[in-house]
Amino acid sequence: MTRFTLAFLLLMPFLHISHQASACTNYIITKGASTDGSVMISYSADSHVLYGELYHWSPGVYPAGTMMDIYEWDTGKFLGKIKQANQTYNVVGNMNEYQVAIGETTYGGRSELETQSGAIMDYGSLIYVALQRSKTAREAIQVIGQLMEEYGYASSGESFSIADKNEAWIMEIIGKGEGGKGAVWVAIRIPDGYVSGHANQARIQTFPIANGKTSITNKDLKKWNDPNVGCIYSADVIEFAKSKKWFNGADKDFSFSDTYAPITFDGARFCEIRVWSMFREVNKNMEKYKNYASGHDLKERMPLYILPDHKISAKEMMHFMRNHLEGTEFDMSTDIGAGPFGCPYRWRPLTFDVDGSTYVNERATATQQTGFSFVTQSRSNVPDEIGGIFWFSVDDASSTVYTPIYTSSRRVPETYARGNGKMMTWSDDAAFWVFSQVSNFAYTRYNAIHPEIAVKQDSLESLYFSRVADIDKQAQLLYAADKIQAVELVTDFSIKNANELVYFWKKFYQYLFMKYMDGNIKTFVPGAQNPDVKQPGYGESWSKRIVKDNGEELKSTGSSGH
């Protein structure tokens, strides 16, 4: 089987390709599945026009009647006003001071449900407003549901990862379309000890029907915080589908995904394949879903969550976010599309036509259009002021470095702050532009440059884990005497570490540029006027392709040139 496959052509009538189909990846690790007992989620915000920066909302107290402006996250369009909460919490990126973290992926779903005139709450606003108002994952789910019900839902289908220091959930929602208000949704808790993920394809299928013990509807408010409850859903999620004549069976047989976002070739090949790429690294039995992930067998879907064969660390989560389908037949570094230097990237679009046939490029987790990505650690064994770690990076996760930000931080590093540059505004000390310079230079000679980047990543992130362990100890000692000073300590550390990383990476880019410019590889020679210069060319295999393509025109007659 080749990666540029005609199977795509055969399925074209059933596909709904949009920009959302290629955006964003989330992985979820529960408390019992992690090496240190933390709950973790990861997220890559993938958009060709998203500028990577670190958001921050300070905590606040507001008088009754205060209103809050809502702007669509994707476009900046003003959507309307909502009632402000009496009290809001500190939010750094996608995680708050109580260690609640939220990520998302867009799956789109039924096109007739994509718009809802007058709706105010888009998916981005739901995330960041919920983070400002929630102390637990369950509370965030409740806030999101109530906001959609009161103000309408202004986006297409979404999957949310929602975690706190004890639990992790997947919440999948889709709007009610024109003439309706709000959304229908299902939230499933990932059982402790298991892992999950989602990547632009709705993954919740059947779920336990409300029984008042382990599964409830959103109307059963008294049961929301019952630890035995592992499924919560909007009371009308099934009835709404029946009213649209999309489902007419028994409630126990209702599948959210199969009804609102049926799996298609692109849903598997561009989206589920990214979940499979992580699952297969933690459970060898996942190889049996290769044909499903490739889009060639859609009948046997992957489970929503799986039991891993080992405990997973935050560092391994970073590794998952850097995956290019290595070790599989879909590895993009091994065919002619990778060029002479094994570059595992394909410039968009995801599909292309040749002689009347349509082919696909692979869509891996690590991708060039990432605005920012993160790995969160919610830790129950330390106070909230110290427990939440937001490992943040900008640009392509494969060529960047995650820096730790404590989520109680009351300020953010200047190099990552909002307003320091934009997508079409250069800023010389903006993290996004500094890391983008390195990654884009690496794409030009990937097999030589990227290994040097990987060494620096490993060295720096290992150093940062060590630093966090030290700061944890210092902060906990200080916390016993003065909580405010403990918060100040972790804030200062977060800022200093991140800023130093950016300035180091600027120097690293300068070194890489000097070493690899003009197709050469130069090495400094102490005491010599000039560096040692190697000219590796294109390599034997690629040279043979050149000869096969137009060898007679290039064949030497015996002379040599410079």
Protein backbone atom coordinates (compact mmCIF):
# COMPACT_ATOMS: atom_id res chain seq x y z
CA MET A 1 0.00 0.00 0.00
CA THR A 2 1.34 3.45 -0.90
CA ARG A 3 0.61 6.61 0.96
CA PHE A 4 -0.51 8.39 -2.21
CA THR A 5 -3.54 6.20 -2.64
CA LEU A 6 -6.37 5.96 -5.15
CA ALA A 7 -8.64 4.70 -2.38
CA PHE A 8 -9.21 8.34 -1.58
CA LEU A 9 -10.60 8.94 -5.06
CA LEU A 10 -13.13 6.14 -4.64
CA LEU A 11 -14.44 7.71 -1.43
CA MET A 12 -14.51 11.32 -2.61
CA PRO A 13 -18.34 11.53 -2.83
CA PHE A 14 -18.58 10.88 0.92
CA LEU A 15 -15.98 13.35 2.12
CA HIS A 16 -16.43 16.73 3.72
CA ILE A 17 -12.99 18.36 3.63
CA SER A 18 -12.56 21.63 5.50
CA HIS A 19 -9.80 23.51 7.24
CA GLN A 20 -10.91 21.91 10.49
CA ALA A 21 -10.12 18.45 9.11
CA SER A 22 -6.43 19.14 9.42
CA ALA A 23 -6.32 21.00 12.73
CA CYS A 24 -5.40 20.09 16.30
CA THR A 25 -4.53 16.94 18.27
CA ASN A 26 -5.25 16.03 21.93
CA TYR A 27 -3.89 13.18 24.04
CA ILE A 28 -5.17 12.35 27.54
CA ILE A 29 -3.36 10.52 30.36
CA THR A 30 -5.24 9.73 33.55
CA LYS A 31 -3.78 9.83 37.04
CA GLY A 32 -3.22 6.08 37.26
CA ALA A 33 -1.57 5.95 33.84
CA SER A 34 1.13 8.55 34.56
CA THR A 35 4.54 7.99 36.11
CA ASP A 36 4.07 10.65 38.79
CA GLY A 37 0.32 10.44 39.46
CA SER A 38 -0.45 13.61 37.54
CA VAL A 39 -3.35 13.99 35.12
CA MET A 40 -2.11 15.18 31.73
CA ILE A 41 -3.55 16.43 28.48
CA SER A 42 -1.73 17.67 25.40
CA TYR A 43 -2.89 19.94 22.61
CA SER A 44 -1.53 21.31 19.38
CA ALA A 45 -3.39 24.36 18.06
CA ASP A 46 -2.83 23.90 14.34
CA SER A 47 -3.79 26.71 12.00
CA HIS A 48 -1.89 28.42 9.22
CA VAL A 49 -3.01 31.82 10.55
CA LEU A 50 -2.75 31.24 14.32
CA TYR A 51 0.07 33.23 15.91
CA GLY A 52 1.56 31.35 18.85
CA GLU A 53 1.44 33.32 22.09
CA LEU A 54 0.68 32.69 25.76
CA TYR A 55 -2.71 33.94 26.92
CA HIS A 56 -3.27 35.24 30.45
CA TRP A 57 -6.31 36.34 32.42
CA SER A 58 -5.79 37.68 35.94
CA PRO A 59 -8.27 36.73 38.68
CA GLY A 60 -10.97 39.27 39.38
CA VAL A 61 -14.06 40.17 41.41
CA TYR A 62 -16.92 41.92 39.58
CA PRO A 63 -20.06 43.76 40.78
CA ALA A 64 -23.47 42.35 39.91
CA GLY A 65 -24.64 43.34 36.44
CA THR A 66 -21.15 43.43 34.87
CA MET A 67 -21.15 42.24 31.25
CA MET A 68 -18.35 40.53 29.35
CA ASP A 69 -17.59 40.97 25.64
CA ILE A 70 -17.20 37.77 23.61
CA TYR A 71 -15.05 37.66 20.49
CA GLU A 72 -14.75 34.65 18.22
CA TRP A 73 -11.36 33.02 18.85
CA ASP A 74 -10.67 32.10 15.23
CA THR A 75 -11.51 35.48 13.67
CA GLY A 76 -11.67 38.14 16.40
CA LYS A 77 -15.26 38.93 15.36
CA PHE A 78 -17.43 40.45 18.11
CA LEU A 79 -20.23 38.00 18.92
CA GLY A 80 -22.04 39.68 21.80
CA LYS A 81 -22.08 40.11 25.57
CA ILE A 82 -22.65 37.68 28.42
CA LYS A 83 -23.02 38.12 32.18
CA GLN A 84 -19.69 38.25 33.96
CA ALA A 85 -19.15 35.91 36.91
CA ASN A 86 -18.86 37.44 40.36
CA GLN A 87 -15.37 35.95 40.70
CA THR A 88 -12.90 34.68 38.11
CA TYR A 89 -9.69 32.69 38.45
CA ASN A 90 -6.16 33.09 37.17
CA VAL A 91 -5.69 31.47 33.73
CA VAL A 92 -2.38 30.89 31.96
CA GLY A 93 -2.82 29.54 28.46
CA ASN A 94 -5.34 26.70 28.64
CA MET A 95 -4.99 25.95 32.35
CA ASN A 96 -6.06 27.75 35.51
CA GLU A 97 -4.80 28.18 39.05
CA TYR A 98 -6.97 25.27 40.26
CA GLN A 99 -5.23 22.98 37.75
CA VAL A 100 -8.21 22.69 35.40
CA ALA A 101 -6.99 22.28 31.81
CA ILE A 102 -8.92 22.25 28.53
CA GLY A 103 -7.87 21.38 24.97
CA GLU A 104 -9.93 20.93 21.83
CA THR A 105 -10.17 19.52 18.34
CA THR A 106 -12.74 20.50 15.74
CA TYR A 107 -14.55 17.67 13.96
CA GLY A 108 -17.19 19.69 12.11
CA GLY A 109 -19.93 17.06 11.87
CA ARG A 110 -23.24 17.49 10.05
CA SER A 111 -23.04 20.56 7.86
CA GLU A 112 -26.67 21.57 8.60
CA LEU A 113 -25.70 22.12 12.25
CA GLU A 114 -22.66 24.34 11.61
CA THR A 115 -24.39 27.73 11.97
CA GLN A 116 -26.78 29.18 14.54
CA SER A 117 -27.83 32.79 14.01
CA GLY A 118 -27.57 34.94 17.12
CA ALA A 119 -25.34 32.50 19.00
CA ILE A 120 -22.64 34.12 21.13
CA MET A 121 -20.45 31.33 22.53
CA ASP A 122 -17.89 29.93 20.06
CA TYR A 123 -15.71 27.00 21.06
CA GLY A 124 -12.70 29.16 21.95
CA SER A 125 -14.73 31.43 24.21
CA LEU A 126 -16.26 28.40 25.92
CA ILE A 127 -12.76 27.15 26.78
CA TYR A 128 -11.37 30.37 28.16
CA VAL A 129 -14.52 31.50 29.97
CA ALA A 130 -14.92 28.05 31.55
CA LEU A 131 -11.30 28.15 32.74
CA GLN A 132 -11.96 31.48 34.43
CA ARG A 133 -14.99 30.07 36.26
CA SER A 134 -14.19 26.44 37.17
CA LYS A 135 -12.38 24.71 40.01
CA THR A 136 -12.87 21.16 38.69
CA ALA A 137 -13.30 19.40 35.35
CA ARG A 138 -16.93 18.61 36.19
CA GLU A 139 -17.59 22.26 36.96
CA ALA A 140 -16.04 23.22 33.60
CA ILE A 141 -18.38 20.79 31.82
CA GLN A 142 -21.32 22.31 33.67
CA VAL A 143 -20.25 25.87 32.84
CA ILE A 144 -19.81 25.01 29.16
CA GLY A 145 -23.24 23.36 29.01
CA GLN A 146 -24.96 26.27 30.73
CA LEU A 147 -23.26 28.90 28.56
CA MET A 148 -24.37 27.14 25.37
CA GLU A 149 -27.90 26.75 26.67
CA GLU A 150 -28.20 30.41 27.65
CA TYR A 151 -26.31 32.12 24.82
CA GLY A 152 -26.30 29.66 21.93
CA TYR A 153 -23.40 27.81 20.30
CA ALA A 154 -21.54 29.57 17.47
CA SER A 155 -19.24 26.82 16.14
CA SER A 156 -19.38 23.46 14.41
CA GLY A 157 -18.75 20.12 16.15
CA GLU A 158 -16.05 20.08 18.84
CA SER A 159 -14.30 17.60 21.09
CA PHE A 160 -12.90 18.95 24.37
CA SER A 161 -10.30 17.36 26.66
CA ILE A 162 -11.09 18.55 30.18
CA ALA A 163 -8.87 17.63 33.11
CA ASP A 164 -8.21 18.51 36.73
CA LYS A 165 -5.86 17.02 39.33
CA ASN A 166 -8.05 13.93 39.76
CA GLU A 167 -9.98 13.25 36.54
CA ALA A 168 -9.91 13.57 32.76
CA TRP A 169 -12.96 13.79 30.49
CA ILE A 170 -13.83 13.95 26.80
CA MET A 171 -16.79 16.20 26.02
CA GLU A 172 -18.20 16.17 22.48
CA ILE A 173 -20.69 18.80 21.37
CA ILE A 174 -22.50 19.90 18.24
CA GLY A 175 -24.88 22.81 17.70
CA LYS A 176 -28.58 22.59 16.95
CA GLY A 177 -28.35 24.54 13.72
CA GLU A 178 -30.52 27.33 12.39
CA GLY A 179 -33.80 27.65 14.27
CA GLY A 180 -32.33 25.99 17.33
CA LYS A 181 -30.39 27.30 20.30
CA GLY A 182 -27.44 25.77 22.10
CA ALA A 183 -25.98 22.33 21.54
CA VAL A 184 -26.33 18.64 22.27
CA TRP A 185 -23.42 16.92 23.93
CA VAL A 186 -21.97 13.93 25.77
CA ALA A 187 -19.13 13.91 28.33
CA ILE A 188 -17.31 10.68 29.25
CA ARG A 189 -14.79 10.33 32.06
CA ILE A 190 -11.71 8.38 31.03
CA PRO A 191 -11.35 5.55 33.60
CA ASP A 192 -8.35 5.89 35.85
CA GLY A 193 -5.33 4.03 34.52
CA TYR A 194 -6.40 4.50 30.89
CA VAL A 195 -5.35 6.87 28.11
CA SER A 196 -7.32 8.47 25.32
CA GLY A 197 -7.07 11.00 22.52
CA HIS A 198 -8.95 12.76 19.75
CA ALA A 199 -7.92 14.53 16.58
CA ASN A 200 -10.72 16.19 14.58
CA GLN A 201 -13.03 13.17 14.55
CA ALA A 202 -15.88 12.66 17.02
CA ARG A 203 -14.98 9.51 19.00
CA ILE A 204 -17.82 8.95 21.50
CA GLN A 205 -20.14 6.27 20.16
CA THR A 206 -22.63 4.53 22.47
CA PHE A 207 -22.66 5.58 26.12
CA PRO A 208 -24.45 4.51 29.33
CA ILE A 209 -28.03 5.71 29.39
CA ALA A 210 -28.87 7.81 32.48
CA ASN A 211 -29.48 5.60 35.50
CA GLY A 212 -28.90 8.09 38.31
CA LYS A 213 -25.82 6.22 39.51
CA THR A 214 -23.03 6.06 36.91
CA SER A 215 -24.69 8.07 34.15
CA ILE A 216 -26.86 11.20 34.38
CA THR A 217 -28.25 13.95 32.20
CA ASN A 218 -27.28 17.58 32.70
CA LYS A 219 -30.58 18.17 34.50
CA ASP A 220 -29.68 15.90 37.43
CA LEU A 221 -27.77 18.65 39.24
CA LYS A 222 -27.56 16.83 42.58
CA LYS A 223 -25.42 14.06 41.06
CA TRP A 224 -22.86 16.15 39.17
CA ASN A 225 -20.12 15.72 41.75
CA ASP A 226 -20.83 12.10 42.60
CA PRO A 227 -17.49 10.30 41.98
CA ASN A 228 -19.42 7.25 40.73
CA VAL A 229 -20.81 9.24 37.80
CA GLY A 230 -18.67 8.79 34.72
CA CYS A 231 -21.06 9.93 31.99
CA ILE A 232 -23.03 13.18 31.74
CA TYR A 233 -25.00 14.25 28.69
CA SER A 234 -27.51 16.83 27.57
CA ALA A 235 -31.02 15.55 28.20
CA ASP A 236 -32.06 16.04 24.58
CA VAL A 237 -29.03 14.56 22.79
CA ILE A 238 -30.99 11.50 21.59
CA GLU A 239 -34.40 13.14 21.18
CA PHE A 240 -32.89 15.87 19.02
CA ALA A 241 -31.49 13.24 16.65
CA LYS A 242 -34.84 11.49 16.54
CA SER A 243 -36.62 14.76 15.75
CA LYS A 244 -34.31 15.18 12.75
CA LYS A 245 -34.97 11.53 11.72
CA TRP A 246 -31.26 10.71 12.00
CA PHE A 247 -31.92 7.96 14.54
CA ASN A 248 -34.96 5.81 15.30
CA GLY A 249 -33.65 2.92 17.39
CA ALA A 250 -33.51 2.13 21.09
CA ASP A 251 -31.76 4.73 23.25
CA LYS A 252 -29.13 2.20 24.35
CA ASP A 253 -28.03 1.80 20.72
CA PHE A 254 -27.60 5.51 20.07
CA SER A 255 -24.09 6.49 18.94
CA PHE A 256 -23.14 10.15 19.16
CA SER A 257 -20.39 9.94 16.54
CA ASP A 258 -22.27 7.73 14.09
CA THR A 259 -25.24 10.09 14.24
CA TYR A 260 -23.67 13.54 14.31
CA ALA A 261 -20.25 12.94 12.71
CA PRO A 262 -20.08 9.59 10.89
CA ILE A 263 -16.60 8.24 10.22
CA THR A 264 -15.34 8.72 6.64
CA PHE A 265 -12.09 8.08 4.83
CA ASP A 266 -10.73 11.52 5.73
CA GLY A 267 -11.94 11.16 9.33
CA ALA A 268 -9.81 8.05 9.64
CA ARG A 269 -6.81 8.87 7.42
CA PHE A 270 -6.30 12.50 8.44
CA CYS A 271 -7.63 12.33 12.01
CA GLU A 272 -7.93 8.95 13.68
CA ILE A 273 -4.48 8.00 12.39
CA ARG A 274 -3.01 10.53 14.84
CA VAL A 275 -4.78 8.88 17.78
CA TRP A 276 -3.60 5.51 16.48
CA SER A 277 -0.02 6.81 16.26
CA MET A 278 -0.08 7.43 20.03
CA PHE A 279 -2.09 4.35 20.98
CA ARG A 280 0.31 2.02 19.16
CA GLU A 281 3.23 3.40 21.20
CA VAL A 282 1.62 2.38 24.49
CA ASN A 283 -0.19 -0.81 23.52
CA LYS A 284 1.11 -3.30 20.93
CA ASN A 285 -2.39 -4.63 20.28
CA MET A 286 -3.29 -1.39 18.52
CA GLU A 287 -1.50 -2.53 15.36
CA LYS A 288 -4.69 -4.36 14.45
CA TYR A 289 -6.35 -0.99 13.76
CA LYS A 290 -3.86 -0.03 11.03
CA ASN A 291 -6.34 -0.61 8.21
CA TYR A 292 -8.94 1.43 10.06
CA ALA A 293 -6.51 4.30 10.63
CA SER A 294 -5.54 4.22 6.95
CA GLY A 295 -9.17 4.70 5.94
CA HIS A 296 -9.49 1.29 4.28
CA ASP A 297 -11.61 -0.49 6.91
CA LEU A 298 -14.06 1.77 8.70
CA LYS A 299 -16.14 -1.00 10.29
CA GLU A 300 -13.99 -1.79 13.33
CA ARG A 301 -13.42 1.54 15.05
CA MET A 302 -10.78 2.10 17.69
CA PRO A 303 -11.96 2.22 21.31
CA LEU A 304 -12.42 5.59 22.98
CA TYR A 305 -9.74 4.75 25.54
CA ILE A 306 -7.18 1.97 26.07
CA LEU A 307 -5.06 0.51 28.84
CA PRO A 308 -1.37 1.35 28.28
CA ASP A 309 1.36 -1.24 28.83
CA HIS A 310 3.50 1.21 30.82
CA LYS A 311 3.21 4.41 32.84
CA ILE A 312 3.59 7.60 30.81
CA SER A 313 5.67 10.64 31.73
CA ALA A 314 5.28 14.26 30.71
CA LYS A 315 8.42 13.86 28.62
CA GLU A 316 6.85 10.97 26.71
CA MET A 317 3.78 13.12 26.12
CA MET A 318 6.08 15.64 24.44
CA HIS A 319 7.41 12.78 22.32
CA PHE A 320 3.85 11.90 21.24
CA MET A 321 3.35 15.49 20.07
CA ARG A 322 6.43 15.20 17.81
CA ASN A 323 5.24 12.14 15.92
CA HIS A 324 5.49 11.97 12.11
CA LEU A 325 4.13 8.40 11.86
CA GLU A 326 7.66 7.08 12.28
CA GLY A 327 7.92 3.31 12.43
CA THR A 328 4.84 2.82 10.24
CA GLU A 329 4.35 2.43 6.52
CA PHE A 330 2.90 5.95 6.55
CA ASP A 331 6.24 7.53 7.58
CA MET A 332 6.57 10.64 5.43
CA SER A 333 10.37 10.75 5.55
CA THR A 334 10.90 7.71 3.33
CA ASP A 335 9.43 8.42 -0.10
CA ILE A 336 10.15 10.83 -2.93
CA GLY A 337 7.93 13.48 -1.35
CA ALA A 338 10.49 13.81 1.44
CA GLY A 339 13.05 15.12 -1.03
CA PRO A 340 16.74 14.30 -0.81
CA PHE A 341 16.97 15.15 2.89
CA GLY A 342 14.13 13.05 4.36
CA CYS A 343 11.80 15.89 5.33
CA PRO A 344 8.64 14.42 6.94
CA TYR A 345 6.43 17.35 5.92
CA ARG A 346 4.16 18.06 2.97
CA TRP A 347 3.13 21.59 2.15
CA ARG A 348 -0.62 22.02 1.96
CA PRO A 349 -3.14 21.21 0.60
CA LEU A 350 -3.66 17.75 2.05
CA THR A 351 -4.94 16.41 -1.27
CA PHE A 352 -3.67 16.86 -4.80
CA ASP A 353 -4.77 15.88 -8.33
CA VAL A 354 -2.67 14.25 -11.03
CA ASP A 355 -4.08 13.21 -14.40
CA GLY A 356 -7.64 13.21 -13.12
CA SER A 357 -6.96 11.17 -9.98
CA THR A 358 -6.92 12.50 -6.41
CA TYR A 359 -4.23 11.55 -3.91
CA VAL A 360 -3.53 12.35 -0.26
CA ASN A 361 -0.63 13.57 1.79
CA GLU A 362 -0.41 12.17 5.31
CA ARG A 363 -1.48 14.26 8.28
CA ALA A 364 0.78 13.57 11.27
CA THR A 365 0.59 14.96 14.80
CA ALA A 366 3.66 17.18 14.35
CA THR A 367 2.92 19.69 11.63
CA GLN A 368 4.35 22.91 10.28
CA GLN A 369 1.23 25.02 10.89
CA THR A 370 1.11 24.67 14.68
CA GLY A 371 0.56 28.01 16.39
CA PHE A 372 1.22 26.66 19.88
CA SER A 373 1.15 23.35 21.71
CA PHE A 374 1.22 22.27 25.32
CA VAL A 375 1.40 19.41 27.80
CA THR A 376 -0.35 19.97 31.13
CA GLN A 377 0.38 18.39 34.48
CA SER A 378 -2.34 18.57 37.15
CA ARG A 379 -0.84 17.25 40.39
CA SER A 380 -2.89 16.35 43.45
CA ASN A 381 0.08 15.76 45.75
CA VAL A 382 0.99 19.46 46.07
CA PRO A 383 -1.09 22.62 46.68
CA ASP A 384 -2.82 24.17 43.66
CA GLU A 385 -0.52 27.17 43.82
CA ILE A 386 2.38 24.83 42.98
CA GLY A 387 0.64 21.86 41.39
CA GLY A 388 -0.31 23.07 37.92
CA ILE A 389 2.44 22.98 35.29
CA PHE A 390 1.69 24.21 31.79
CA TRP A 391 4.48 23.02 29.48
CA PHE A 392 4.18 25.47 26.60
CA SER A 393 5.73 25.76 23.17
CA VAL A 394 5.13 27.69 19.97
CA ASP A 395 5.40 26.57 16.34
CA ASP A 396 6.05 23.00 15.16
CA ALA A 397 6.32 20.75 18.24
CA SER A 398 8.98 18.65 16.54
CA SER A 399 11.38 21.60 16.35
CA THR A 400 10.50 23.52 19.48
CA VAL A 401 11.10 23.25 23.23
CA TYR A 402 8.47 23.03 25.98
CA THR A 403 9.04 25.50 28.79
CA PRO A 404 7.34 25.06 32.20
CA ILE A 405 4.85 27.71 33.33
CA TYR A 406 3.29 27.36 36.77
CA THR A 407 -0.41 28.08 36.36
CA SER A 408 -0.63 30.24 39.46
CA SER A 409 1.76 32.68 37.71
CA ARG A 410 0.39 36.19 37.85
CA ARG A 411 2.49 37.35 34.88
CA VAL A 412 3.74 35.73 31.69
CA PRO A 413 7.13 35.97 29.93
CA GLU A 414 7.49 38.96 27.62
CA THR A 415 8.82 36.81 24.78
CA TYR A 416 5.58 34.78 24.71
CA ALA A 417 3.12 37.50 25.74
CA ARG A 418 0.10 38.56 23.68
CA GLY A 419 0.86 41.54 21.48
CA ASN A 420 4.54 40.73 20.98
CA GLY A 421 4.28 40.34 17.23
CA LYS A 422 1.50 39.06 15.01
CA MET A 423 1.22 36.68 12.08
CA MET A 424 2.18 39.49 9.69
CA THR A 425 4.09 41.65 12.19
CA TRP A 426 7.70 40.71 12.94
CA SER A 427 9.10 40.97 16.46
CA ASP A 428 12.73 40.04 16.90
CA ASP A 429 12.31 38.78 20.47
CA ALA A 430 8.96 37.02 20.01
CA ALA A 431 9.20 33.31 20.76
CA PHE A 432 6.99 32.41 17.79
CA TRP A 433 9.31 34.02 15.26
CA VAL A 434 12.48 32.73 16.93
CA PHE A 435 11.28 29.12 16.90
CA SER A 436 9.78 29.47 13.42
CA GLN A 437 13.17 30.54 12.07
CA VAL A 438 14.81 27.38 13.37
CA SER A 439 12.07 24.98 12.22
CA ASN A 440 11.77 26.45 8.73
CA PHE A 441 15.54 26.38 8.27
CA ALA A 442 15.55 22.74 9.40
CA TYR A 443 13.01 21.82 6.71
CA THR A 444 15.62 22.71 4.05
CA ARG A 445 18.10 19.98 5.13
CA TYR A 446 16.10 17.97 7.63
CA ASN A 447 18.23 14.84 8.01
CA ALA A 448 21.27 16.94 8.99
CA ILE A 449 19.76 19.87 10.91
CA HIS A 450 16.91 18.26 12.83
CA PRO A 451 19.11 15.80 14.76
CA GLU A 452 20.94 18.78 16.24
CA ILE A 453 17.59 20.30 17.25
CA ALA A 454 16.50 17.01 18.88
CA VAL A 455 19.67 16.93 20.99
CA LYS A 456 19.04 20.47 22.24
CA GLN A 457 15.38 19.67 22.96
CA ASP A 458 16.26 16.66 25.06
CA SER A 459 19.01 18.49 26.94
CA LEU A 460 16.92 21.56 27.71
CA GLU A 461 13.71 19.77 28.64
CA SER A 462 15.63 17.37 30.90
CA LEU A 463 17.17 20.42 32.55
CA TYR A 464 13.74 22.00 32.98
CA PHE A 465 12.29 18.91 34.66
CA SER A 466 15.18 19.08 37.10
CA ARG A 467 14.60 22.78 37.70
CA VAL A 468 10.88 22.22 38.32
CA ALA A 469 11.71 19.58 40.95
CA ASP A 470 13.95 22.11 42.73
CA ILE A 471 11.40 24.94 42.49
CA ASP A 472 8.69 22.58 43.80
CA LYS A 473 10.72 22.01 46.95
CA GLN A 474 11.50 25.69 47.45
CA ALA A 475 7.91 26.75 46.82
CA GLN A 476 6.46 24.19 49.21
CA LEU A 477 8.77 25.34 51.99
CA LEU A 478 7.81 28.95 51.30
CA TYR A 479 4.12 28.07 50.94
CA ALA A 480 3.91 26.99 54.58
CA ALA A 481 4.87 30.49 55.69
CA ASP A 482 3.64 32.77 52.90
CA LYS A 483 1.42 31.62 50.02
CA ILE A 484 1.77 34.92 48.16
CA GLN A 485 5.55 34.67 48.17
CA ALA A 486 5.33 31.09 46.95
CA VAL A 487 3.24 32.24 44.00
CA GLU A 488 5.74 35.02 43.32
CA LEU A 489 8.58 32.49 43.36
CA VAL A 490 6.99 30.21 40.76
CA THR A 491 5.96 33.23 38.67
CA ASP A 492 9.51 34.57 38.57
CA PHE A 493 10.90 31.15 37.70
CA SER A 494 8.38 30.64 34.89
CA ILE A 495 9.19 34.02 33.32
CA LYS A 496 12.96 33.78 33.66
CA ASN A 497 13.19 30.24 32.31
CA ALA A 498 11.00 30.99 29.28
CA ASN A 499 12.77 34.23 28.36
CA GLU A 500 16.20 32.64 28.67
CA LEU A 501 15.07 29.81 26.39
CA VAL A 502 14.06 32.23 23.65
CA TYR A 503 17.36 34.11 23.78
CA PHE A 504 19.27 30.81 23.76
CA TRP A 505 17.25 29.65 20.73
CA LYS A 506 18.10 32.88 18.88
CA LYS A 507 21.79 32.06 19.32
CA PHE A 508 21.11 28.48 18.30
CA TYR A 509 19.54 29.67 15.04
CA GLN A 510 22.59 31.79 14.31
CA TYR A 511 24.84 28.78 14.85
CA LEU A 512 22.70 26.54 12.61
CA PHE A 513 22.54 29.15 9.85
CA MET A 514 26.29 29.63 9.79
CA LYS A 515 26.95 25.89 9.83
CA TYR A 516 24.48 24.80 7.13
CA MET A 517 24.16 27.79 4.79
CA ASP A 518 24.66 27.32 1.03
CA GLY A 519 24.30 23.54 1.20
CA ASN A 520 27.58 23.11 3.06
CA ILE A 521 28.28 21.71 6.50
CA LYS A 522 30.98 23.74 8.23
CA THR A 523 32.85 22.92 11.44
CA PHE A 524 34.92 25.36 13.47
CA VAL A 525 38.64 24.53 13.58
CA PRO A 526 40.50 26.08 16.55
CA GLY A 527 43.39 28.28 15.42
CA ALA A 528 42.51 28.05 11.73
CA GLN A 529 41.43 30.98 9.58
CA ASN A 530 38.68 29.00 7.88
CA PRO A 531 36.33 26.27 9.09
CA ASP A 532 36.39 22.73 7.81
CA VAL A 533 33.85 22.41 4.97
CA LYS A 534 32.00 19.29 3.86
CA GLN A 535 29.73 19.15 0.82
CA PRO A 536 27.58 16.04 1.23
CA GLY A 537 25.43 16.79 -1.82
CA TYR A 538 22.15 14.94 -2.18
CA GLY A 539 23.21 11.44 -1.21
CA GLU A 540 23.54 8.33 -3.35
CA SER A 541 19.89 7.31 -3.54
CA TRP A 542 18.73 10.76 -4.62
CA SER A 543 21.60 11.09 -7.10
CA LYS A 544 20.44 7.86 -8.72
CA ARG A 545 16.96 9.37 -9.10
CA ILE A 546 18.47 12.41 -10.79
CA VAL A 547 20.40 10.20 -13.21
CA LYS A 548 17.28 8.16 -13.95
CA ASP A 549 15.33 11.33 -14.66
CA ASN A 550 17.77 13.12 -17.00
CA GLY A 551 21.13 11.39 -16.76
CA GLU A 552 22.20 11.81 -20.37
CA GLU A 553 21.95 15.57 -20.19
CA LEU A 554 24.09 15.66 -17.04
CA LYS A 555 26.61 12.96 -17.91
CA SER A 556 30.20 14.15 -17.55
CA THR A 557 32.62 14.07 -20.50
CA GLY A 558 35.65 14.02 -18.24
CA SER A 559 36.10 17.63 -17.16
CA SER A 560 35.33 18.90 -13.68
CA GLY A 561 34.06 22.25 -12.58
CA HIS A 562 33.60 24.35 -9.48
